[in-house]
């Protein structure tokens, strides 16, 4: 996901690294979702809340909650801190970090 350069300059180094790790985990999982006709998009990081949007086949999949739990577990593992993955609906928005 692309982020405006000037926005990155305003973030403290720890926040930038944290956002990079979260984005990397989502990017790592996306090919598996896309293979089944779905996708996951990072929307916003607000403290320990990470908002994502499930797209395509993931929207109506019975296993979407398991997908979100898997993403959350992987982010927690990589960050070493508790975060909560929150699914959001609606039109695409620019990710804020």
C-alpha atoms as a PDB file:
ATOM      1  CA  UNK A   1       0.000   0.000   0.000  1.00  0.00           C
ATOM      2  CA  UNK A   2       1.403   3.412  -0.917  1.00  0.00           C
ATOM      3  CA  UNK A   3       1.732   6.169   1.657  1.00  0.00           C
ATOM      4  CA  UNK A   4       2.493   9.793   0.971  1.00  0.00           C
ATOM      5  CA  UNK A   5       6.163  10.551   1.650  1.00  0.00           C
ATOM      6  CA  UNK A   6       5.537  13.681   3.698  1.00  0.00           C
ATOM      7  CA  UNK A   7       3.160  11.731   5.977  1.00  0.00           C
ATOM      8  CA  UNK A   8       5.910   9.205   6.744  1.00  0.00           C
ATOM      9  CA  UNK A   9       8.314  11.981   7.742  1.00  0.00           C
ATOM     10  CA  UNK A  10       5.901  13.122  10.469  1.00  0.00           C
ATOM     11  CA  UNK A  11       5.775   9.755  12.242  1.00  0.00           C
ATOM     12  CA  UNK A  12       8.162   8.910  15.079  1.00  0.00           C
ATOM     13  CA  UNK A  13      10.586   6.103  14.063  1.00  0.00           C
ATOM     14  CA  UNK A  14       8.904   3.541  16.358  1.00  0.00           C
ATOM     15  CA  UNK A  15       5.486   4.233  14.793  1.00  0.00           C
ATOM     16  CA  UNK A  16       6.907   3.974  11.292  1.00  0.00           C
ATOM     17  CA  UNK A  17       8.500   0.599  12.094  1.00  0.00           C
ATOM     18  CA  UNK A  18       5.305  -0.611  13.757  1.00  0.00           C
ATOM     19  CA  UNK A  19       3.201   0.356  10.719  1.00  0.00           C
ATOM     20  CA  UNK A  20       5.752  -1.309   8.418  1.00  0.00           C
ATOM     21  CA  UNK A  21       5.486  -4.570  10.369  1.00  0.00           C
ATOM     22  CA  UNK A  22       1.679  -4.510  10.305  1.00  0.00           C
ATOM     23  CA  UNK A  23       1.632  -3.811   6.553  1.00  0.00           C
ATOM     24  CA  UNK A  24       4.182  -6.597   5.969  1.00  0.00           C
ATOM     25  CA  UNK A  25       2.034  -9.154   7.808  1.00  0.00           C
ATOM     26  CA  UNK A  26      -1.034  -8.214   5.778  1.00  0.00           C
ATOM     27  CA  UNK A  27       0.957  -8.343   2.533  1.00  0.00           C
ATOM     28  CA  UNK A  28       2.258 -11.777   3.540  1.00  0.00           C
ATOM     29  CA  UNK A  29      -1.298 -13.126   3.943  1.00  0.00           C
ATOM     30  CA  UNK A  30      -2.904 -11.416   0.925  1.00  0.00           C
ATOM     31  CA  UNK A  31      -1.729 -13.914  -1.767  1.00  0.00           C
ATOM     32  CA  UNK A  32      -3.556 -16.741   0.035  1.00  0.00           C
ATOM     33  CA  UNK A  33      -6.740 -14.675   0.198  1.00  0.00           C
ATOM     34  CA  UNK A  34      -6.416 -13.575  -3.438  1.00  0.00           C
ATOM     35  CA  UNK A  35      -5.977 -17.182  -4.551  1.00  0.00           C
ATOM     36  CA  UNK A  36      -9.507 -17.829  -3.231  1.00  0.00           C
ATOM     37  CA  UNK A  37     -10.976 -14.655  -4.758  1.00  0.00           C
ATOM     38  CA  UNK A  38     -10.722 -12.458  -1.670  1.00  0.00           C
ATOM     39  CA  UNK A  39      -8.415  -9.786  -0.325  1.00  0.00           C
ATOM     40  CA  UNK A  40      -7.578  -7.715   2.753  1.00  0.00           C
ATOM     41  CA  UNK A  41      -6.760  -4.004   2.788  1.00  0.00           C
ATOM     42  CA  UNK A  42      -5.174  -2.028   5.631  1.00  0.00           C
ATOM     43  CA  UNK A  43      -7.348   1.004   6.372  1.00  0.00           C
ATOM     44  CA  UNK A  44      -6.000   2.607   9.525  1.00  0.00           C
ATOM     45  CA  UNK A  45      -3.803   2.049  12.570  1.00  0.00           C
ATOM     46  CA  UNK A  46      -5.064   3.794  15.692  1.00  0.00           C
ATOM     47  CA  UNK A  47      -3.064   2.808  18.762  1.00  0.00           C
ATOM     48  CA  UNK A  48      -3.650  -0.888  19.333  1.00  0.00           C
ATOM     49  CA  UNK A  49      -6.553  -0.972  16.836  1.00  0.00           C
ATOM     50  CA  UNK A  50      -5.777  -2.050  13.277  1.00  0.00           C
ATOM     51  CA  UNK A  51      -8.694  -1.494  10.898  1.00  0.00           C
ATOM     52  CA  UNK A  52      -8.828  -3.682   7.800  1.00  0.00           C
ATOM     53  CA  UNK A  53     -11.350  -4.213   5.026  1.00  0.00           C
ATOM     54  CA  UNK A  54     -12.024  -7.688   3.702  1.00  0.00           C
ATOM     55  CA  UNK A  55     -12.878  -7.698  -0.001  1.00  0.00           C
ATOM     56  CA  UNK A  56     -14.151 -10.083  -2.649  1.00  0.00           C
ATOM     57  CA  UNK A  57     -14.948 -13.625  -1.555  1.00  0.00           C
ATOM     58  CA  UNK A  58     -13.778 -12.830   1.998  1.00  0.00           C
ATOM     59  CA  UNK A  59     -16.763 -10.541   2.579  1.00  0.00           C
ATOM     60  CA  UNK A  60     -19.289 -13.390   2.680  1.00  0.00           C
ATOM     61  CA  UNK A  61     -16.974 -16.236   3.692  1.00  0.00           C
ATOM     62  CA  UNK A  62     -17.944 -18.179   6.806  1.00  0.00           C
ATOM     63  CA  UNK A  63     -14.260 -18.378   7.721  1.00  0.00           C
ATOM     64  CA  UNK A  64     -13.618 -14.621   7.604  1.00  0.00           C
ATOM     65  CA  UNK A  65     -13.509 -14.429  11.411  1.00  0.00           C
ATOM     66  CA  UNK A  66     -10.824 -17.133  11.392  1.00  0.00           C
ATOM     67  CA  UNK A  67      -8.918 -15.123   8.772  1.00  0.00           C
ATOM     68  CA  UNK A  68      -9.051 -12.025  10.980  1.00  0.00           C
ATOM     69  CA  UNK A  69      -7.946 -14.045  14.020  1.00  0.00           C
ATOM     70  CA  UNK A  70      -5.030 -15.433  12.002  1.00  0.00           C
ATOM     71  CA  UNK A  71      -3.970 -11.956  10.886  1.00  0.00           C
ATOM     72  CA  UNK A  72      -4.221 -10.709  14.459  1.00  0.00           C
ATOM     73  CA  UNK A  73      -2.170 -13.614  15.831  1.00  0.00           C
ATOM     74  CA  UNK A  74       0.550 -13.038  13.240  1.00  0.00           C
ATOM     75  CA  UNK A  75       0.678  -9.264  13.906  1.00  0.00           C
ATOM     76  CA  UNK A  76       0.870  -9.869  17.674  1.00  0.00           C
ATOM     77  CA  UNK A  77       3.655 -12.412  17.115  1.00  0.00           C
ATOM     78  CA  UNK A  78       5.688 -10.033  14.929  1.00  0.00           C
ATOM     79  CA  UNK A  79       5.109  -6.891  17.031  1.00  0.00           C
ATOM     80  CA  UNK A  80       5.383  -8.494  20.446  1.00  0.00           C
ATOM     81  CA  UNK A  81       2.403  -6.466  21.647  1.00  0.00           C
ATOM     82  CA  UNK A  82      -1.343  -6.924  21.731  1.00  0.00           C
ATOM     83  CA  UNK A  83      -3.307  -5.397  18.857  1.00  0.00           C
ATOM     84  CA  UNK A  84      -6.883  -5.863  17.769  1.00  0.00           C
ATOM     85  CA  UNK A  85      -7.806  -6.395  14.125  1.00  0.00           C
ATOM     86  CA  UNK A  86     -11.121  -4.671  13.408  1.00  0.00           C
ATOM     87  CA  UNK A  87     -12.995  -5.284  10.140  1.00  0.00           C
ATOM     88  CA  UNK A  88     -14.589  -2.202   8.594  1.00  0.00           C
ATOM     89  CA  UNK A  89     -17.080  -1.848   5.765  1.00  0.00           C
ATOM     90  CA  UNK A  90     -17.699   0.877   3.220  1.00  0.00           C
ATOM     91  CA  UNK A  91     -15.836   2.696   0.481  1.00  0.00           C
ATOM     92  CA  UNK A  92     -12.059   2.529   0.315  1.00  0.00           C
ATOM     93  CA  UNK A  93     -10.219   5.116   2.372  1.00  0.00           C
ATOM     94  CA  UNK A  94      -6.596   6.170   2.447  1.00  0.00           C
ATOM     95  CA  UNK A  95      -4.691   4.340   5.187  1.00  0.00           C
ATOM     96  CA  UNK A  96      -3.625   6.572   8.063  1.00  0.00           C
ATOM     97  CA  UNK A  97      -0.641   5.561  10.181  1.00  0.00           C
END
